[in-house]
Amino acid sequence: MSNRFPIKIIFAGTPDFAVPGFRALLADKDFKILSAITQPDKPVGRKQILTSPAIKTEAQKNNIPVWQPNKIADIKEKIREINPDLAVLIAYGQIIPQEILDIPRFGWINIHGSLLPRWRGAACVQAPILANDKKTGITIMKIEKGLDTGPILKQTEIKISPEETAETLHDKLSSLGAKILPGVIKDCVEGKIEPKPQNNSEASYAPTLKKEDGKIDWQKKAEEIERMARALNPWPGTWTNWQDKKSCLRRQVKIKKTESKILPINKYKLGQTFLHNNQLAVQCGQDALVIKTLQLEGKNEMTAQDFLRGYKEIVGQTLN
């Protein structure tokens, strides 16, 4: 290696997705991580317990200083003072201002969980499942002003399996990014990679998901709703409403898992539940869907068979 090494790095990241990449840099003697920048601790769960981001926890284990600004612009001078050679960003959660992008001499590098310019934005892991894409992958890019618009350093693709969920794809992409990141950084610093501009005319966007994005529209085709159940698992989940006539309550039900095999049945009302070979199914706008597991609001997830033992009155009713 040249005298450019070890490379002094600041790392910006927040959730679990960023941890494998962070660990890969920590494990490589050619890198020296000066600081980890992450989001402030936030209350989590029903009890609103103040919880540290995954990167903060990992950094503290390795005695790396942690900065948690509300806005990264607030620590501009701190970044300038430690004089990093390079900044690496993985799922940090804030747009980096130009004045901070300009500080490291080798700029900022980002791992993005899609094959850019397809699926720019926060929901890049979920979007290809929803769209029935056959492949996705990791893009390592230089960061510039704009949302995921910077020139590409390297891309590696993987196939999307028919059973893929956002959770399984998240883990695959996170590991893949960590595997190729160290080599890409070294090649970039030594001038062995020519950054390739993105074709903006081919760009598509995957904005941040909200809870209401998980509301099921039973007018859609069964195959679309099946993909939705996989793409939005675990967050925000797919859900529907059920008017429980036994208790006279309107209940929210999360549809956690469905059968991938679609039923060519089109004789019931939209959203009506029925039994097919003793399995709970729902009529969609085209064809029907078999539910494997579901969760009543305030209850634990259970199989459809167990659910029917306690709430058999759901059969024949309409979800909306």
Protein backbone atom coordinates (compact mmCIF):
# COMPACT_ATOMS: atom_id res chain seq x y z
CA MET A 1 0.00 0.00 0.00
CA SER A 2 1.09 3.59 -0.61
CA ASN A 3 1.86 6.19 2.04
CA ARG A 4 -1.77 7.30 1.84
CA PHE A 5 -2.57 4.56 4.36
CA PRO A 6 -3.93 4.24 6.94
CA ILE A 7 -6.85 6.35 5.75
CA LYS A 8 -8.38 8.55 8.46
CA ILE A 9 -12.17 8.11 8.30
CA ILE A 10 -15.25 9.57 9.88
CA PHE A 11 -18.24 7.23 9.69
CA ALA A 12 -21.86 8.38 9.52
CA GLY A 13 -24.56 5.76 10.02
CA THR A 14 -27.46 4.88 12.27
CA PRO A 15 -29.39 1.55 12.00
CA ASP A 16 -28.46 -2.13 11.90
CA PHE A 17 -27.96 -1.90 8.12
CA ALA A 18 -24.82 0.19 8.72
CA VAL A 19 -23.17 -2.11 11.29
CA PRO A 20 -21.51 -4.72 8.98
CA GLY A 21 -19.87 -1.96 6.92
CA PHE A 22 -18.67 -0.22 10.09
CA ARG A 23 -17.20 -3.48 11.37
CA ALA A 24 -15.47 -4.14 8.06
CA LEU A 25 -13.64 -0.81 8.31
CA LEU A 26 -12.74 -1.38 11.96
CA ALA A 27 -11.21 -4.75 11.10
CA ASP A 28 -8.95 -3.41 8.34
CA LYS A 29 -5.54 -2.02 9.39
CA ASP A 30 -5.56 0.34 6.39
CA PHE A 31 -8.33 2.40 8.00
CA LYS A 32 -8.44 4.48 11.17
CA ILE A 33 -11.93 5.55 12.25
CA LEU A 34 -11.69 8.88 14.04
CA SER A 35 -15.36 9.28 14.96
CA ALA A 36 -18.83 7.83 14.43
CA ILE A 37 -21.65 10.26 13.65
CA THR A 38 -25.16 8.96 14.30
CA GLN A 39 -28.67 10.13 15.14
CA PRO A 40 -29.67 11.08 18.72
CA ASP A 41 -31.05 8.39 21.03
CA LYS A 42 -34.81 7.97 20.56
CA PRO A 43 -37.69 6.50 22.58
CA VAL A 44 -38.69 3.09 21.22
CA GLY A 45 -41.67 0.77 21.71
CA ARG A 46 -44.83 1.04 23.76
CA LYS A 47 -42.88 1.96 26.88
CA GLN A 48 -40.90 4.59 24.93
CA ILE A 49 -37.56 3.44 26.31
CA LEU A 50 -34.71 5.75 25.27
CA THR A 51 -32.60 3.62 22.90
CA SER A 52 -29.21 4.19 21.28
CA PRO A 53 -28.73 3.72 17.52
CA ALA A 54 -26.98 0.50 16.52
CA ILE A 55 -23.89 2.39 15.34
CA LYS A 56 -23.51 4.18 18.67
CA THR A 57 -23.55 0.83 20.49
CA GLU A 58 -20.98 -0.64 18.09
CA ALA A 59 -18.73 2.42 18.28
CA GLN A 60 -18.73 2.41 22.08
CA LYS A 61 -17.71 -1.26 22.10
CA ASN A 62 -14.66 -0.27 20.06
CA ASN A 63 -13.84 2.96 21.94
CA ILE A 64 -14.67 5.16 18.95
CA PRO A 65 -15.86 8.70 19.84
CA VAL A 66 -19.58 9.18 19.06
CA TRP A 67 -21.22 12.40 17.90
CA GLN A 68 -25.03 12.67 17.86
CA PRO A 69 -26.01 16.09 16.51
CA ASN A 70 -29.62 16.96 15.76
CA LYS A 71 -28.25 18.45 12.55
CA ILE A 72 -24.88 17.45 11.17
CA ALA A 73 -24.19 21.10 10.30
CA ASP A 74 -23.90 21.71 14.05
CA ILE A 75 -20.61 19.75 14.16
CA LYS A 76 -19.01 21.22 11.06
CA GLU A 77 -16.09 22.66 13.01
CA LYS A 78 -15.51 19.42 14.95
CA ILE A 79 -15.25 17.54 11.65
CA ARG A 80 -12.87 20.17 10.30
CA GLU A 81 -10.70 19.95 13.42
CA ILE A 82 -10.08 16.21 13.18
CA ASN A 83 -9.24 16.61 9.48
CA PRO A 84 -10.45 13.26 8.04
CA ASP A 85 -9.14 11.95 4.74
CA LEU A 86 -12.51 10.42 3.89
CA ALA A 87 -16.07 10.15 5.18
CA VAL A 88 -18.14 6.98 4.78
CA LEU A 89 -21.93 7.12 5.07
CA ILE A 90 -24.33 4.18 5.39
CA ALA A 91 -28.01 4.87 6.18
CA TYR A 92 -27.26 7.92 8.31
CA GLY A 93 -30.62 9.62 7.86
CA GLN A 94 -29.64 13.22 7.05
CA ILE A 95 -28.67 15.09 3.90
CA ILE A 96 -25.04 16.26 4.14
CA PRO A 97 -24.58 20.00 3.40
CA GLN A 98 -22.05 20.95 0.74
CA GLU A 99 -19.83 22.77 3.25
CA ILE A 100 -19.35 19.44 5.08
CA LEU A 101 -19.05 17.37 1.89
CA ASP A 102 -16.05 19.54 1.02
CA ILE A 103 -14.06 18.86 4.22
CA PRO A 104 -12.47 15.40 3.64
CA ARG A 105 -9.84 15.48 0.89
CA PHE A 106 -11.21 12.30 -0.70
CA GLY A 107 -14.82 13.38 -0.18
CA TRP A 108 -17.73 11.24 1.02
CA ILE A 109 -18.55 7.67 -0.02
CA ASN A 110 -21.98 6.10 0.44
CA ILE A 111 -23.34 2.54 0.37
CA HIS A 112 -26.84 2.53 -1.11
CA GLY A 113 -29.11 -0.54 -1.09
CA SER A 114 -30.19 -0.58 -4.73
CA LEU A 115 -28.81 -0.50 -8.25
CA LEU A 116 -28.79 3.24 -8.80
CA PRO A 117 -30.24 5.21 -10.46
CA ARG A 118 -33.13 2.80 -9.81
CA TRP A 119 -34.69 3.37 -6.40
CA ARG A 120 -33.09 6.47 -5.04
CA GLY A 121 -34.37 7.29 -1.56
CA ALA A 122 -34.95 5.73 1.85
CA ALA A 123 -37.17 2.74 0.96
CA CYS A 124 -34.70 1.30 -1.57
CA VAL A 125 -34.79 -2.19 0.00
CA GLN A 126 -38.60 -2.48 -0.10
CA ALA A 127 -39.19 -0.89 -3.51
CA PRO A 128 -37.79 -3.64 -5.78
CA ILE A 129 -39.91 -6.29 -4.01
CA LEU A 130 -43.03 -4.16 -4.44
CA ALA A 131 -42.20 -3.58 -8.11
CA ASN A 132 -41.54 -7.29 -8.75
CA ASP A 133 -37.97 -6.58 -9.83
CA LYS A 134 -35.94 -9.71 -10.46
CA LYS A 135 -32.70 -8.24 -9.14
CA THR A 136 -31.33 -5.51 -6.91
CA GLY A 137 -27.96 -4.88 -5.33
CA ILE A 138 -25.49 -2.52 -3.73
CA THR A 139 -24.17 0.73 -5.15
CA ILE A 140 -21.07 2.38 -3.70
CA MET A 141 -20.99 5.98 -4.81
CA LYS A 142 -19.45 9.36 -4.21
CA ILE A 143 -21.83 11.71 -2.42
CA GLU A 144 -22.73 15.00 -4.00
CA LYS A 145 -25.48 17.51 -3.34
CA GLY A 146 -28.77 15.80 -4.25
CA LEU A 147 -30.61 12.64 -3.21
CA ASP A 148 -28.47 9.61 -4.19
CA THR A 149 -27.35 11.33 -7.39
CA GLY A 150 -23.56 11.01 -7.06
CA PRO A 151 -21.25 9.16 -9.47
CA ILE A 152 -20.97 5.38 -9.07
CA LEU A 153 -17.76 3.67 -7.95
CA LYS A 154 -18.98 0.07 -7.97
CA GLN A 155 -22.19 -1.96 -8.21
CA THR A 156 -22.82 -5.58 -7.29
CA GLU A 157 -26.17 -7.24 -7.98
CA ILE A 158 -28.11 -10.12 -6.42
CA LYS A 159 -31.28 -11.93 -7.42
CA ILE A 160 -34.52 -11.36 -5.51
CA SER A 161 -35.98 -14.71 -4.48
CA PRO A 162 -39.75 -15.40 -4.75
CA GLU A 163 -39.95 -15.60 -0.93
CA GLU A 164 -37.86 -12.48 -0.28
CA THR A 165 -38.97 -10.10 2.46
CA ALA A 166 -37.58 -6.67 3.25
CA GLU A 167 -35.99 -8.22 6.33
CA THR A 168 -34.11 -10.96 4.48
CA LEU A 169 -33.09 -8.63 1.64
CA HIS A 170 -31.93 -6.00 4.14
CA ASP A 171 -29.52 -8.50 5.70
CA LYS A 172 -28.20 -9.73 2.34
CA LEU A 173 -27.54 -6.21 1.08
CA SER A 174 -25.96 -5.08 4.33
CA SER A 175 -23.51 -8.01 4.26
CA LEU A 176 -22.78 -7.54 0.57
CA GLY A 177 -21.98 -3.86 1.03
CA ALA A 178 -19.61 -4.62 3.91
CA LYS A 179 -17.80 -7.25 1.83
CA ILE A 180 -16.92 -4.94 -1.04
CA LEU A 181 -16.56 -1.60 0.80
CA PRO A 182 -12.90 -1.81 1.96
CA GLY A 183 -11.58 -2.73 -1.49
CA VAL A 184 -13.59 -0.01 -3.20
CA ILE A 185 -12.28 2.64 -0.79
CA LYS A 186 -8.66 1.58 -1.35
CA ASP A 187 -9.07 1.54 -5.14
CA CYS A 188 -10.79 4.93 -5.04
CA VAL A 189 -8.06 6.54 -2.91
CA GLU A 190 -5.34 5.15 -5.20
CA GLY A 191 -7.12 6.42 -8.30
CA LYS A 192 -7.89 2.95 -9.67
CA ILE A 193 -11.62 3.66 -10.12
CA GLU A 194 -13.13 6.17 -12.50
CA PRO A 195 -16.45 7.39 -11.00
CA LYS A 196 -19.30 6.86 -13.47
CA PRO A 197 -22.07 9.49 -13.64
CA GLN A 198 -25.62 8.24 -13.18
CA ASN A 199 -28.16 8.45 -16.00
CA ASN A 200 -30.76 10.70 -14.40
CA SER A 201 -33.31 9.89 -17.10
CA GLU A 202 -33.46 6.32 -15.71
CA ALA A 203 -33.96 7.38 -12.09
CA SER A 204 -36.82 6.11 -9.92
CA TYR A 205 -37.61 7.01 -6.32
CA ALA A 206 -38.48 5.15 -3.13
CA PRO A 207 -39.56 7.72 -0.51
CA THR A 208 -39.64 7.07 3.23
CA LEU A 209 -42.41 4.65 4.21
CA LYS A 210 -45.22 5.70 6.54
CA LYS A 211 -47.63 3.54 8.53
CA GLU A 212 -50.49 4.33 6.15
CA ASP A 213 -48.47 2.81 3.28
CA GLY A 214 -49.20 -0.59 4.82
CA LYS A 215 -53.00 -0.24 4.52
CA ILE A 216 -54.25 -3.00 2.20
CA ASP A 217 -56.49 -2.07 -0.72
CA TRP A 218 -58.34 -5.29 -1.47
CA GLN A 219 -59.19 -4.00 -4.96
CA LYS A 220 -55.60 -4.75 -5.95
CA LYS A 221 -54.56 -8.04 -7.49
CA ALA A 222 -53.69 -10.84 -5.06
CA GLU A 223 -50.14 -11.00 -6.44
CA GLU A 224 -49.63 -7.29 -5.66
CA ILE A 225 -50.86 -7.69 -2.08
CA GLU A 226 -48.66 -10.77 -1.64
CA ARG A 227 -45.60 -8.73 -2.67
CA MET A 228 -46.71 -5.94 -0.37
CA ALA A 229 -46.84 -8.33 2.61
CA ARG A 230 -43.24 -9.34 1.92
CA ALA A 231 -41.91 -5.88 1.06
CA LEU A 232 -43.36 -4.16 4.12
CA ASN A 233 -42.26 -6.84 6.58
CA PRO A 234 -41.35 -5.84 9.27
CA TRP A 235 -42.06 -2.10 8.78
CA PRO A 236 -44.64 -0.69 8.42
CA GLY A 237 -46.38 -4.05 8.04
CA THR A 238 -49.51 -4.70 6.00
CA TRP A 239 -52.80 -4.19 7.78
CA THR A 240 -56.53 -4.03 7.31
CA ASN A 241 -59.65 -3.40 9.37
CA TRP A 242 -62.17 -5.96 10.55
CA GLN A 243 -65.58 -5.14 11.98
CA ASP A 244 -65.83 -7.85 14.66
CA LYS A 245 -69.60 -8.40 14.94
CA LYS A 246 -69.18 -10.62 18.00
CA SER A 247 -67.63 -7.87 20.11
CA CYS A 248 -69.07 -4.99 18.03
CA LEU A 249 -65.53 -3.61 17.76
CA ARG A 250 -63.66 -2.34 14.71
CA ARG A 251 -60.30 -4.09 14.95
CA GLN A 252 -57.04 -3.53 13.12
CA VAL A 253 -55.44 -6.74 11.87
CA LYS A 254 -51.88 -7.06 10.58
CA ILE A 255 -51.45 -9.58 7.78
CA LYS A 256 -47.95 -10.83 8.60
CA LYS A 257 -47.39 -13.65 6.09
CA THR A 258 -49.30 -14.99 3.11
CA GLU A 259 -48.92 -17.98 0.81
CA SER A 260 -46.91 -17.14 -2.30
CA LYS A 261 -49.24 -19.33 -4.36
CA ILE A 262 -52.20 -17.28 -5.56
CA LEU A 263 -55.70 -18.82 -5.69
CA PRO A 264 -57.54 -18.36 -9.03
CA ILE A 265 -60.81 -17.68 -7.20
CA ASN A 266 -63.02 -14.71 -8.08
CA LYS A 267 -66.49 -15.41 -6.70
CA TYR A 268 -66.58 -13.52 -3.40
CA LYS A 269 -66.99 -9.86 -2.50
CA LEU A 270 -63.86 -7.70 -2.34
CA GLY A 271 -62.12 -8.27 0.98
CA GLN A 272 -64.42 -11.13 1.98
CA THR A 273 -62.80 -13.94 3.95
CA PHE A 274 -63.54 -17.60 3.22
CA LEU A 275 -62.12 -21.05 3.87
CA HIS A 276 -60.22 -22.86 1.13
CA ASN A 277 -59.06 -26.36 2.08
CA ASN A 278 -59.48 -25.28 5.72
CA GLN A 279 -57.19 -22.30 5.15
CA LEU A 280 -58.19 -18.66 5.70
CA ALA A 281 -58.32 -16.79 2.40
CA VAL A 282 -59.34 -13.31 1.23
CA GLN A 283 -60.87 -12.24 -2.05
CA CYS A 284 -58.84 -9.61 -3.88
CA GLY A 285 -59.57 -7.51 -6.96
CA GLN A 286 -58.15 -10.36 -9.01
CA ASP A 287 -57.72 -13.82 -7.50
CA ALA A 288 -57.49 -14.62 -3.79
CA LEU A 289 -54.81 -14.80 -1.14
CA VAL A 290 -54.22 -17.38 1.60
CA ILE A 291 -53.17 -15.91 4.96
CA LYS A 292 -50.50 -17.82 6.90
CA THR A 293 -50.02 -15.62 9.98
CA LEU A 294 -51.73 -12.51 11.30
CA GLN A 295 -51.83 -10.32 14.36
CA LEU A 296 -54.78 -8.66 16.02
CA GLU A 297 -54.01 -5.21 17.41
CA GLY A 298 -52.68 -5.56 20.95
CA LYS A 299 -52.16 -9.33 20.59
CA ASN A 300 -49.29 -11.60 19.58
CA GLU A 301 -48.73 -12.87 16.05
CA MET A 302 -50.37 -16.25 15.43
CA THR A 303 -51.03 -18.71 12.64
CA ALA A 304 -54.29 -18.38 10.77
CA GLN A 305 -55.36 -21.77 12.15
CA ASP A 306 -54.84 -20.62 15.74
CA PHE A 307 -56.59 -17.35 14.97
CA LEU A 308 -59.63 -19.20 13.63
CA ARG A 309 -59.92 -21.18 16.87
CA GLY A 310 -60.49 -17.97 18.78
CA TYR A 311 -62.16 -15.83 16.12
CA LYS A 312 -64.00 -18.20 13.80
CA GLU A 313 -66.62 -15.50 13.24
CA ILE A 314 -64.18 -13.74 10.88
CA VAL A 315 -65.02 -16.26 8.13
CA GLY A 316 -67.45 -14.72 5.65
CA GLN A 317 -66.89 -11.17 6.88
CA THR A 318 -65.33 -8.34 4.91
CA LEU A 319 -61.96 -6.75 5.59
CA ASN A 320 -61.49 -3.13 4.56
